[in-house]
Amino acid sequence: MAERKLNCWEFEQCGRGPGKGGRGAAGRCAAAFETRTDGVNSGRKGGRACWAVAGTQCSVRPKTASTATEDACLGCLFYLLVMEEEYPVCTGTEGILEMLR
């Protein structure tokens, strides 16, 4: 049986995953309900493609479609974890953005 991998909301423990009300006015994160990326990088919804999902929050800044770049996430520990766990078949930013078009 394959090991279950963490999604971003589990890794970050932000309380904004699927089925959660979120903290305060923040509500659910966009990655928590992005169905077009379900299964990408072994994740649930956008949980392992969050760096390319518009409207997500990261520790650096909120992302919009125009700022969703892999370069902006190179220092993110979760991004680095996904890249390591999925190597050599990780779906990167370009592939994810194609799914979201």
PDB file of N, CA and C in Angstrom:
ATOM      1  N   MET A   1       0.843  -1.190   0.000  1.00  0.00           N
ATOM      2  CA  MET A   1       0.000   0.000   0.000  1.00  0.00           C
ATOM      3  C   MET A   1       0.886   1.250   0.000  1.00  0.00           C
ATOM      4  N   ALA A   2       0.565   2.194  -0.859  1.00  0.00           N
ATOM      5  CA  ALA A   2       1.354   3.425  -0.977  1.00  0.00           C
ATOM      6  C   ALA A   2       1.157   4.306   0.256  1.00  0.00           C
ATOM      7  N   GLU A   3       2.236   4.966   0.643  1.00  0.00           N
ATOM      8  CA  GLU A   3       2.180   5.878   1.778  1.00  0.00           C
ATOM      9  C   GLU A   3       1.381   7.118   1.395  1.00  0.00           C
ATOM     10  N   ARG A   4       0.495   7.556   2.284  1.00  0.00           N
ATOM     11  CA  ARG A   4      -0.291   8.760   2.051  1.00  0.00           C
ATOM     12  C   ARG A   4       0.607   9.977   2.272  1.00  0.00           C
ATOM     13  N   LYS A   5       0.559  10.902   1.336  1.00  0.00           N
ATOM     14  CA  LYS A   5       1.404  12.088   1.403  1.00  0.00           C
ATOM     15  C   LYS A   5       0.587  13.284   1.871  1.00  0.00           C
ATOM     16  N   LEU A   6       1.241  14.194   2.569  1.00  0.00           N
ATOM     17  CA  LEU A   6       0.565  15.375   3.105  1.00  0.00           C
ATOM     18  C   LEU A   6       0.179  16.354   2.010  1.00  0.00           C
ATOM     19  N   ASN A   7      -0.976  16.977   2.183  1.00  0.00           N
ATOM     20  CA  ASN A   7      -1.384  18.111   1.368  1.00  0.00           C
ATOM     21  C   ASN A   7      -0.934  19.377   2.080  1.00  0.00           C
ATOM     22  N   CYS A   8      -0.924  20.496   1.364  1.00  0.00           N
ATOM     23  CA  CYS A   8      -0.380  21.737   1.920  1.00  0.00           C
ATOM     24  C   CYS A   8      -1.065  22.147   3.219  1.00  0.00           C
ATOM     25  N   TRP A   9      -2.394  22.035   3.292  1.00  0.00           N
ATOM     26  CA  TRP A   9      -3.113  22.462   4.496  1.00  0.00           C
ATOM     27  C   TRP A   9      -2.786  21.574   5.697  1.00  0.00           C
ATOM     28  N   GLU A  10      -2.393  20.320   5.444  1.00  0.00           N
ATOM     29  CA  GLU A  10      -1.973  19.435   6.535  1.00  0.00           C
ATOM     30  C   GLU A  10      -0.544  19.771   6.971  1.00  0.00           C
ATOM     31  N   PHE A  11       0.318  19.994   6.005  1.00  0.00           N
ATOM     32  CA  PHE A  11       1.701  20.356   6.288  1.00  0.00           C
ATOM     33  C   PHE A  11       1.771  21.675   7.050  1.00  0.00           C
ATOM     34  N   GLU A  12       1.040  22.672   6.566  1.00  0.00           N
ATOM     35  CA  GLU A  12       1.063  24.006   7.175  1.00  0.00           C
ATOM     36  C   GLU A  12       0.209  24.104   8.433  1.00  0.00           C
ATOM     37  N   GLN A  13      -0.700  23.148   8.625  1.00  0.00           N
ATOM     38  CA  GLN A  13      -1.637  23.149   9.751  1.00  0.00           C
ATOM     39  C   GLN A  13      -2.363  24.485   9.875  1.00  0.00           C
ATOM     40  N   CYS A  14      -2.846  24.959   8.719  1.00  0.00           N
ATOM     41  CA  CYS A  14      -3.479  26.280   8.652  1.00  0.00           C
ATOM     42  C   CYS A  14      -4.968  26.256   8.991  1.00  0.00           C
ATOM     43  N   GLY A  15      -5.581  25.075   8.993  1.00  0.00           N
ATOM     44  CA  GLY A  15      -7.008  24.996   9.278  1.00  0.00           C
ATOM     45  C   GLY A  15      -7.878  25.422   8.113  1.00  0.00           C
ATOM     46  N   ARG A  16      -7.315  25.488   6.896  1.00  0.00           N
ATOM     47  CA  ARG A  16      -8.081  25.971   5.750  1.00  0.00           C
ATOM     48  C   ARG A  16      -8.296  24.888   4.694  1.00  0.00           C
ATOM     49  N   GLY A  17      -8.213  23.607   5.075  1.00  0.00           N
ATOM     50  CA  GLY A  17      -8.390  22.507   4.135  1.00  0.00           C
ATOM     51  C   GLY A  17      -9.850  22.213   3.848  1.00  0.00           C
ATOM     52  N   PRO A  18     -10.120  21.212   3.007  1.00  0.00           N
ATOM     53  CA  PRO A  18     -11.493  20.832   2.675  1.00  0.00           C
ATOM     54  C   PRO A  18     -12.273  20.463   3.933  1.00  0.00           C
ATOM     55  N   GLY A  19     -13.513  20.872   3.964  1.00  0.00           N
ATOM     56  CA  GLY A  19     -14.360  20.552   5.100  1.00  0.00           C
ATOM     57  C   GLY A  19     -14.094  21.391   6.331  1.00  0.00           C
ATOM     58  N   LYS A  20     -13.230  22.356   6.206  1.00  0.00           N
ATOM     59  CA  LYS A  20     -12.909  23.235   7.332  1.00  0.00           C
ATOM     60  C   LYS A  20     -13.516  24.602   7.073  1.00  0.00           C
ATOM     61  N   GLY A  21     -13.878  25.277   8.118  1.00  0.00           N
ATOM     62  CA  GLY A  21     -14.415  26.613   7.982  1.00  0.00           C
ATOM     63  C   GLY A  21     -13.331  27.653   7.829  1.00  0.00           C
ATOM     64  N   GLY A  22     -12.120  27.262   8.145  1.00  0.00           N
ATOM     65  CA  GLY A  22     -11.017  28.214   8.088  1.00  0.00           C
ATOM     66  C   GLY A  22     -10.957  29.035   9.348  1.00  0.00           C
ATOM     67  N   ARG A  23      -9.904  29.780   9.468  1.00  0.00           N
ATOM     68  CA  ARG A  23      -9.729  30.636  10.641  1.00  0.00           C
ATOM     69  C   ARG A  23     -10.255  32.027  10.328  1.00  0.00           C
ATOM     70  N   GLY A  24     -11.107  32.515  11.167  1.00  0.00           N
ATOM     71  CA  GLY A  24     -11.613  33.872  11.010  1.00  0.00           C
ATOM     72  C   GLY A  24     -12.248  34.093   9.653  1.00  0.00           C
ATOM     73  N   ALA A  25     -11.978  35.237   9.071  1.00  0.00           N
ATOM     74  CA  ALA A  25     -12.567  35.592   7.780  1.00  0.00           C
ATOM     75  C   ALA A  25     -11.842  34.937   6.606  1.00  0.00           C
ATOM     76  N   ALA A  26     -10.732  34.272   6.867  1.00  0.00           N
ATOM     77  CA  ALA A  26      -9.932  33.706   5.781  1.00  0.00           C
ATOM     78  C   ALA A  26     -10.669  32.608   5.022  1.00  0.00           C
ATOM     79  N   GLY A  27     -11.432  31.773   5.708  1.00  0.00           N
ATOM     80  CA  GLY A  27     -12.157  30.689   5.048  1.00  0.00           C
ATOM     81  C   GLY A  27     -11.238  29.637   4.468  1.00  0.00           C
ATOM     82  N   ARG A  28     -11.784  28.818   3.580  1.00  0.00           N
ATOM     83  CA  ARG A  28     -10.987  27.759   2.961  1.00  0.00           C
ATOM     84  C   ARG A  28     -10.021  28.339   1.948  1.00  0.00           C
ATOM     85  N   CYS A  29      -8.902  27.688   1.820  1.00  0.00           N
ATOM     86  CA  CYS A  29      -7.900  28.077   0.829  1.00  0.00           C
ATOM     87  C   CYS A  29      -8.356  27.600  -0.550  1.00  0.00           C
ATOM     88  N   ALA A  30      -7.987  28.322  -1.592  1.00  0.00           N
ATOM     89  CA  ALA A  30      -8.341  27.947  -2.963  1.00  0.00           C
ATOM     90  C   ALA A  30      -7.837  26.554  -3.318  1.00  0.00           C
ATOM     91  N   ALA A  31      -6.693  26.150  -2.781  1.00  0.00           N
ATOM     92  CA  ALA A  31      -6.147  24.815  -3.062  1.00  0.00           C
ATOM     93  C   ALA A  31      -7.057  23.724  -2.516  1.00  0.00           C
ATOM     94  N   ALA A  32      -7.821  24.015  -1.486  1.00  0.00           N
ATOM     95  CA  ALA A  32      -8.675  23.019  -0.835  1.00  0.00           C
ATOM     96  C   ALA A  32      -9.893  22.630  -1.662  1.00  0.00           C
ATOM     97  N   PHE A  33     -10.230  23.426  -2.665  1.00  0.00           N
ATOM     98  CA  PHE A  33     -11.395  23.064  -3.484  1.00  0.00           C
ATOM     99  C   PHE A  33     -11.115  23.102  -4.985  1.00  0.00           C
ATOM    100  N   GLU A  34      -9.847  23.127  -5.368  1.00  0.00           N
ATOM    101  CA  GLU A  34      -9.472  23.126  -6.792  1.00  0.00           C
ATOM    102  C   GLU A  34      -9.484  21.691  -7.321  1.00  0.00           C
ATOM    103  N   THR A  35     -10.605  21.295  -7.928  1.00  0.00           N
ATOM    104  CA  THR A  35     -10.782  19.908  -8.378  1.00  0.00           C
ATOM    105  C   THR A  35     -10.006  19.566  -9.638  1.00  0.00           C
ATOM    106  N   ARG A  36      -9.632  20.558 -10.430  1.00  0.00           N
ATOM    107  CA  ARG A  36      -8.911  20.265 -11.677  1.00  0.00           C
ATOM    108  C   ARG A  36      -7.523  19.696 -11.433  1.00  0.00           C
ATOM    109  N   THR A  37      -6.999  19.862 -10.235  1.00  0.00           N
ATOM    110  CA  THR A  37      -5.671  19.339  -9.922  1.00  0.00           C
ATOM    111  C   THR A  37      -5.739  18.170  -8.936  1.00  0.00           C
ATOM    112  N   ASP A  38      -6.919  17.610  -8.767  1.00  0.00           N
ATOM    113  CA  ASP A  38      -7.064  16.464  -7.869  1.00  0.00           C
ATOM    114  C   ASP A  38      -6.188  15.313  -8.348  1.00  0.00           C
ATOM    115  N   GLY A  39      -5.367  14.789  -7.474  1.00  0.00           N
ATOM    116  CA  GLY A  39      -4.465  13.690  -7.811  1.00  0.00           C
ATOM    117  C   GLY A  39      -3.082  14.112  -8.266  1.00  0.00           C
ATOM    118  N   VAL A  40      -2.901  15.376  -8.605  1.00  0.00           N
ATOM    119  CA  VAL A  40      -1.592  15.857  -9.060  1.00  0.00           C
ATOM    120  C   VAL A  40      -0.588  15.724  -7.924  1.00  0.00           C
ATOM    121  N   ASN A  41       0.562  15.183  -8.236  1.00  0.00           N
ATOM    122  CA  ASN A  41       1.642  14.980  -7.267  1.00  0.00           C
ATOM    123  C   ASN A  41       1.173  14.211  -6.036  1.00  0.00           C
ATOM    124  N   SER A  42       0.243  13.279  -6.265  1.00  0.00           N
ATOM    125  CA  SER A  42      -0.301  12.408  -5.213  1.00  0.00           C
ATOM    126  C   SER A  42      -1.108  13.169  -4.175  1.00  0.00           C
ATOM    127  N   GLY A  43      -1.688  14.296  -4.562  1.00  0.00           N
ATOM    128  CA  GLY A  43      -2.420  15.120  -3.610  1.00  0.00           C
ATOM    129  C   GLY A  43      -3.917  15.096  -3.798  1.00  0.00           C
ATOM    130  N   ARG A  44      -4.598  15.671  -2.840  1.00  0.00           N
ATOM    131  CA  ARG A  44      -6.050  15.826  -2.856  1.00  0.00           C
ATOM    132  C   ARG A  44      -6.376  17.244  -3.292  1.00  0.00           C
ATOM    133  N   LYS A  45      -7.271  17.358  -4.270  1.00  0.00           N
ATOM    134  CA  LYS A  45      -7.659  18.663  -4.818  1.00  0.00           C
ATOM    135  C   LYS A  45      -6.396  19.410  -5.241  1.00  0.00           C
ATOM    136  N   GLY A  46      -6.142  20.616  -4.750  1.00  0.00           N
ATOM    137  CA  GLY A  46      -4.921  21.345  -5.109  1.00  0.00           C
ATOM    138  C   GLY A  46      -3.860  21.276  -4.036  1.00  0.00           C
ATOM    139  N   GLY A  47      -3.965  20.282  -3.172  1.00  0.00           N
ATOM    140  CA  GLY A  47      -3.110  20.198  -1.993  1.00  0.00           C
ATOM    141  C   GLY A  47      -1.638  19.917  -2.229  1.00  0.00           C
ATOM    142  N   ARG A  48      -1.284  19.472  -3.440  1.00  0.00           N
ATOM    143  CA  ARG A  48       0.133  19.272  -3.753  1.00  0.00           C
ATOM    144  C   ARG A  48       0.457  19.949  -5.084  1.00  0.00           C
ATOM    145  N   ALA A  49      -0.308  21.012  -5.361  1.00  0.00           N
ATOM    146  CA  ALA A  49      -0.105  21.852  -6.538  1.00  0.00           C
ATOM    147  C   ALA A  49      -0.357  23.310  -6.153  1.00  0.00           C
ATOM    148  N   CYS A  50      -0.323  23.604  -4.878  1.00  0.00           N
ATOM    149  CA  CYS A  50      -0.749  24.901  -4.343  1.00  0.00           C
ATOM    150  C   CYS A  50       0.015  26.088  -4.911  1.00  0.00           C
ATOM    151  N   TRP A  51       1.267  25.884  -5.273  1.00  0.00           N
ATOM    152  CA  TRP A  51       2.073  27.003  -5.776  1.00  0.00           C
ATOM    153  C   TRP A  51       1.579  27.523  -7.118  1.00  0.00           C
ATOM    154  N   ALA A  52       0.736  26.770  -7.810  1.00  0.00           N
ATOM    155  CA  ALA A  52       0.226  27.206  -9.111  1.00  0.00           C
ATOM    156  C   ALA A  52      -1.258  27.538  -9.071  1.00  0.00           C
ATOM    157  N   VAL A  53      -1.887  27.406  -7.912  1.00  0.00           N
ATOM    158  CA  VAL A  53      -3.324  27.672  -7.778  1.00  0.00           C
ATOM    159  C   VAL A  53      -3.526  29.122  -7.349  1.00  0.00           C
ATOM    160  N   ALA A  54      -4.220  29.887  -8.175  1.00  0.00           N
ATOM    161  CA  ALA A  54      -4.500  31.290  -7.858  1.00  0.00           C
ATOM    162  C   ALA A  54      -5.369  31.385  -6.618  1.00  0.00           C
ATOM    163  N   GLY A  55      -5.091  32.374  -5.788  1.00  0.00           N
ATOM    164  CA  GLY A  55      -5.900  32.625  -4.605  1.00  0.00           C
ATOM    165  C   GLY A  55      -5.436  31.899  -3.361  1.00  0.00           C
ATOM    166  N   THR A  56      -4.316  31.171  -3.447  1.00  0.00           N
ATOM    167  CA  THR A  56      -3.805  30.504  -2.250  1.00  0.00           C
ATOM    168  C   THR A  56      -2.976  31.482  -1.439  1.00  0.00           C
ATOM    169  N   GLN A  57      -2.780  31.148  -0.185  1.00  0.00           N
ATOM    170  CA  GLN A  57      -1.938  31.963   0.687  1.00  0.00           C
ATOM    171  C   GLN A  57      -0.696  31.159   0.994  1.00  0.00           C
ATOM    172  N   CYS A  58       0.422  31.803   0.948  1.00  0.00           N
ATOM    173  CA  CYS A  58       1.649  31.148   1.376  1.00  0.00           C
ATOM    174  C   CYS A  58       2.288  32.043   2.423  1.00  0.00           C
ATOM    175  N   SER A  59       3.369  31.582   2.975  1.00  0.00           N
ATOM    176  CA  SER A  59       4.017  32.382   4.016  1.00  0.00           C
ATOM    177  C   SER A  59       4.646  33.644   3.449  1.00  0.00           C
ATOM    178  N   VAL A  60       4.794  33.712   2.122  1.00  0.00           N
ATOM    179  CA  VAL A  60       5.420  34.875   1.503  1.00  0.00           C
ATOM    180  C   VAL A  60       4.388  35.940   1.139  1.00  0.00           C
ATOM    181  N   ARG A  61       3.363  35.545   0.383  1.00  0.00           N
ATOM    182  CA  ARG A  61       2.333  36.511  -0.041  1.00  0.00           C
ATOM    183  C   ARG A  61       1.164  35.770  -0.682  1.00  0.00           C
ATOM    184  N   PRO A  62      -0.018  36.418  -0.784  1.00  0.00           N
ATOM    185  CA  PRO A  62      -1.127  35.806  -1.516  1.00  0.00           C
ATOM    186  C   PRO A  62      -0.753  35.689  -2.984  1.00  0.00           C
ATOM    187  N   LYS A  63      -1.249  34.658  -3.647  1.00  0.00           N
ATOM    188  CA  LYS A  63      -0.913  34.455  -5.049  1.00  0.00           C
ATOM    189  C   LYS A  63      -2.118  34.717  -5.938  1.00  0.00           C
ATOM    190  N   THR A  64      -1.875  35.308  -7.077  1.00  0.00           N
ATOM    191  CA  THR A  64      -2.873  35.450  -8.119  1.00  0.00           C
ATOM    192  C   THR A  64      -2.351  34.668  -9.312  1.00  0.00           C
ATOM    193  N   ALA A  65      -3.157  34.519 -10.334  1.00  0.00           N
ATOM    194  CA  ALA A  65      -2.723  33.767 -11.510  1.00  0.00           C
ATOM    195  C   ALA A  65      -1.438  34.360 -12.091  1.00  0.00           C
ATOM    196  N   SER A  66      -1.285  35.676 -12.017  1.00  0.00           N
ATOM    197  CA  SER A  66      -0.113  36.302 -12.624  1.00  0.00           C
ATOM    198  C   SER A  66       1.157  36.137 -11.784  1.00  0.00           C
ATOM    199  N   THR A  67       1.027  35.806 -10.496  1.00  0.00           N
ATOM    200  CA  THR A  67       2.217  35.651  -9.665  1.00  0.00           C
ATOM    201  C   THR A  67       2.522  34.200  -9.339  1.00  0.00           C
ATOM    202  N   ALA A  68       1.748  33.273  -9.901  1.00  0.00           N
ATOM    203  CA  ALA A  68       1.978  31.848  -9.629  1.00  0.00           C
ATOM    204  C   ALA A  68       3.193  31.374 -10.407  1.00  0.00           C
ATOM    205  N   THR A  69       4.338  31.466  -9.786  1.00  0.00           N
ATOM    206  CA  THR A  69       5.564  31.011 -10.440  1.00  0.00           C
ATOM    207  C   THR A  69       6.319  30.101  -9.508  1.00  0.00           C
ATOM    208  N   GLU A  70       6.971  29.137 -10.077  1.00  0.00           N
ATOM    209  CA  GLU A  70       7.768  28.207  -9.298  1.00  0.00           C
ATOM    210  C   GLU A  70       8.890  28.940  -8.577  1.00  0.00           C
ATOM    211  N   ASP A  71       9.465  29.955  -9.210  1.00  0.00           N
ATOM    212  CA  ASP A  71      10.566  30.694  -8.602  1.00  0.00           C
ATOM    213  C   ASP A  71      10.170  31.303  -7.262  1.00  0.00           C
ATOM    214  N   ALA A  72       8.937  31.778  -7.151  1.00  0.00           N
ATOM    215  CA  ALA A  72       8.479  32.398  -5.914  1.00  0.00           C
ATOM    216  C   ALA A  72       8.361  31.386  -4.786  1.00  0.00           C
ATOM    217  N   CYS A  73       8.332  30.103  -5.103  1.00  0.00           N
ATOM    218  CA  CYS A  73       8.117  29.066  -4.097  1.00  0.00           C
ATOM    219  C   CYS A  73       9.372  28.272  -3.762  1.00  0.00           C
ATOM    220  N   LEU A  74      10.490  28.596  -4.381  1.00  0.00           N
ATOM    221  CA  LEU A  74      11.700  27.801  -4.188  1.00  0.00           C
ATOM    222  C   LEU A  74      12.164  27.731  -2.739  1.00  0.00           C
ATOM    223  N   GLY A  75      11.787  28.681  -1.915  1.00  0.00           N
ATOM    224  CA  GLY A  75      12.167  28.653  -0.509  1.00  0.00           C
ATOM    225  C   GLY A  75      11.115  28.036   0.392  1.00  0.00           C
ATOM    226  N   CYS A  76      10.011  27.594  -0.176  1.00  0.00           N
ATOM    227  CA  CYS A  76       8.918  27.022   0.613  1.00  0.00           C
ATOM    228  C   CYS A  76       9.242  25.567   0.967  1.00  0.00           C
ATOM    229  N   LEU A  77       9.210  25.240   2.245  1.00  0.00           N
ATOM    230  CA  LEU A  77       9.542  23.887   2.682  1.00  0.00           C
ATOM    231  C   LEU A  77       8.566  22.847   2.127  1.00  0.00           C
ATOM    232  N   PHE A  78       7.292  23.206   2.001  1.00  0.00           N
ATOM    233  CA  PHE A  78       6.323  22.250   1.463  1.00  0.00           C
ATOM    234  C   PHE A  78       6.583  21.992  -0.019  1.00  0.00           C
ATOM    235  N   TYR A  79       6.826  23.030  -0.771  1.00  0.00           N
ATOM    236  CA  TYR A  79       7.163  22.887  -2.195  1.00  0.00           C
ATOM    237  C   TYR A  79       8.375  21.966  -2.363  1.00  0.00           C
ATOM    238  N   LEU A  80       9.412  22.199  -1.577  1.00  0.00           N
ATOM    239  CA  LEU A  80      10.620  21.380  -1.650  1.00  0.00           C
ATOM    240  C   LEU A  80      10.334  19.927  -1.283  1.00  0.00           C
ATOM    241  N   LEU A  81       9.446  19.710  -0.300  1.00  0.00           N
ATOM    242  CA  LEU A  81       9.053  18.358   0.082  1.00  0.00           C
ATOM    243  C   LEU A  81       8.357  17.642  -1.070  1.00  0.00           C
ATOM    244  N   VAL A  82       7.412  18.319  -1.724  1.00  0.00           N
ATOM    245  CA  VAL A  82       6.698  17.722  -2.856  1.00  0.00           C
ATOM    246  C   VAL A  82       7.679  17.382  -3.977  1.00  0.00           C
ATOM    247  N   MET A  83       8.570  18.303  -4.295  1.00  0.00           N
ATOM    248  CA  MET A  83       9.553  18.052  -5.351  1.00  0.00           C
ATOM    249  C   MET A  83      10.397  16.813  -5.024  1.00  0.00           C
ATOM    250  N   GLU A  84      10.796  16.692  -3.772  1.00  0.00           N
ATOM    251  CA  GLU A  84      11.613  15.549  -3.359  1.00  0.00           C
ATOM    252  C   GLU A  84      10.810  14.247  -3.383  1.00  0.00           C
ATOM    253  N   GLU A  85       9.601  14.266  -2.837  1.00  0.00           N
ATOM    254  CA  GLU A  85       8.779  13.050  -2.769  1.00  0.00           C
ATOM    255  C   GLU A  85       8.332  12.565  -4.140  1.00  0.00           C
ATOM    256  N   GLU A  86       8.116  13.469  -5.070  1.00  0.00           N
ATOM    257  CA  GLU A  86       7.599  13.099  -6.382  1.00  0.00           C
ATOM    258  C   GLU A  86       8.683  12.903  -7.443  1.00  0.00           C
ATOM    259  N   TYR A  87       9.914  13.232  -7.114  1.00  0.00           N
ATOM    260  CA  TYR A  87      11.018  13.083  -8.063  1.00  0.00           C
ATOM    261  C   TYR A  87      11.095  11.636  -8.533  1.00  0.00           C
ATOM    262  N   PRO A  88      11.254  11.380  -9.794  1.00  0.00           N
ATOM    263  CA  PRO A  88      11.532  12.269 -10.927  1.00  0.00           C
ATOM    264  C   PRO A  88      10.292  12.606 -11.753  1.00  0.00           C
ATOM    265  N   VAL A  89       9.112  12.295 -11.258  1.00  0.00           N
ATOM    266  CA  VAL A  89       7.899  12.482 -12.076  1.00  0.00           C
ATOM    267  C   VAL A  89       6.975  13.582 -11.537  1.00  0.00           C
ATOM    268  N   CYS A  90       7.525  14.550 -10.860  1.00  0.00           N
ATOM    269  CA  CYS A  90       6.722  15.636 -10.308  1.00  0.00           C
ATOM    270  C   CYS A  90       6.086  16.463 -11.418  1.00  0.00           C
ATOM    271  N   THR A  91       4.818  16.800 -11.233  1.00  0.00           N
ATOM    272  CA  THR A  91       4.154  17.728 -12.151  1.00  0.00           C
ATOM    273  C   THR A  91       4.487  19.127 -11.666  1.00  0.00           C
ATOM    274  N   GLY A  92       5.207  19.879 -12.474  1.00  0.00           N
ATOM    275  CA  GLY A  92       5.640  21.220 -12.112  1.00  0.00           C
ATOM    276  C   GLY A  92       4.624  22.280 -12.492  1.00  0.00           C
ATOM    277  N   THR A  93       5.014  23.504 -12.304  1.00  0.00           N
ATOM    278  CA  THR A  93       4.133  24.652 -12.515  1.00  0.00           C
ATOM    279  C   THR A  93       3.511  24.687 -13.905  1.00  0.00           C
ATOM    280  N   GLU A  94       4.331  24.499 -14.929  1.00  0.00           N
ATOM    281  CA  GLU A  94       3.823  24.567 -16.312  1.00  0.00           C
ATOM    282  C   GLU A  94       2.715  23.546 -16.546  1.00  0.00           C
ATOM    283  N   GLY A  95       2.922  22.321 -16.105  1.00  0.00           N
ATOM    284  CA  GLY A  95       1.918  21.273 -16.277  1.00  0.00           C
ATOM    285  C   GLY A  95       0.655  21.545 -15.498  1.00  0.00           C
ATOM    286  N   ILE A  96       0.802  22.073 -14.290  1.00  0.00           N
ATOM    287  CA  ILE A  96      -0.355  22.387 -13.458  1.00  0.00           C
ATOM    288  C   ILE A  96      -1.150  23.535 -14.064  1.00  0.00           C
ATOM    289  N   LEU A  97      -0.450  24.586 -14.498  1.00  0.00           N
ATOM    290  CA  LEU A  97      -1.148  25.723 -15.111  1.00  0.00           C
ATOM    291  C   LEU A  97      -1.899  25.292 -16.362  1.00  0.00           C
ATOM    292  N   GLU A  98      -1.369  24.350 -17.106  1.00  0.00           N
ATOM    293  CA  GLU A  98      -2.073  23.834 -18.295  1.00  0.00           C
ATOM    294  C   GLU A  98      -3.385  23.182 -17.875  1.00  0.00           C
ATOM    295  N   MET A  99      -3.396  22.451 -16.794  1.00  0.00           N
ATOM    296  CA  MET A  99      -4.633  21.822 -16.282  1.00  0.00           C
ATOM    297  C   MET A  99      -5.650  22.865 -15.861  1.00  0.00           C
ATOM    298  N   LEU A 100      -5.163  23.989 -15.373  1.00  0.00           N
ATOM    299  CA  LEU A 100      -6.046  25.030 -14.850  1.00  0.00           C
ATOM    300  C   LEU A 100      -6.609  25.956 -15.931  1.00  0.00           C
ATOM    301  N   ARG A 101      -6.139  25.824 -17.158  1.00  0.00           N
ATOM    302  CA  ARG A 101      -6.623  26.678 -18.245  1.00  0.00           C
ATOM    303  C   ARG A 101      -7.969  26.224 -18.724  1.00  0.00           C
TER     304      ARG A 101
END
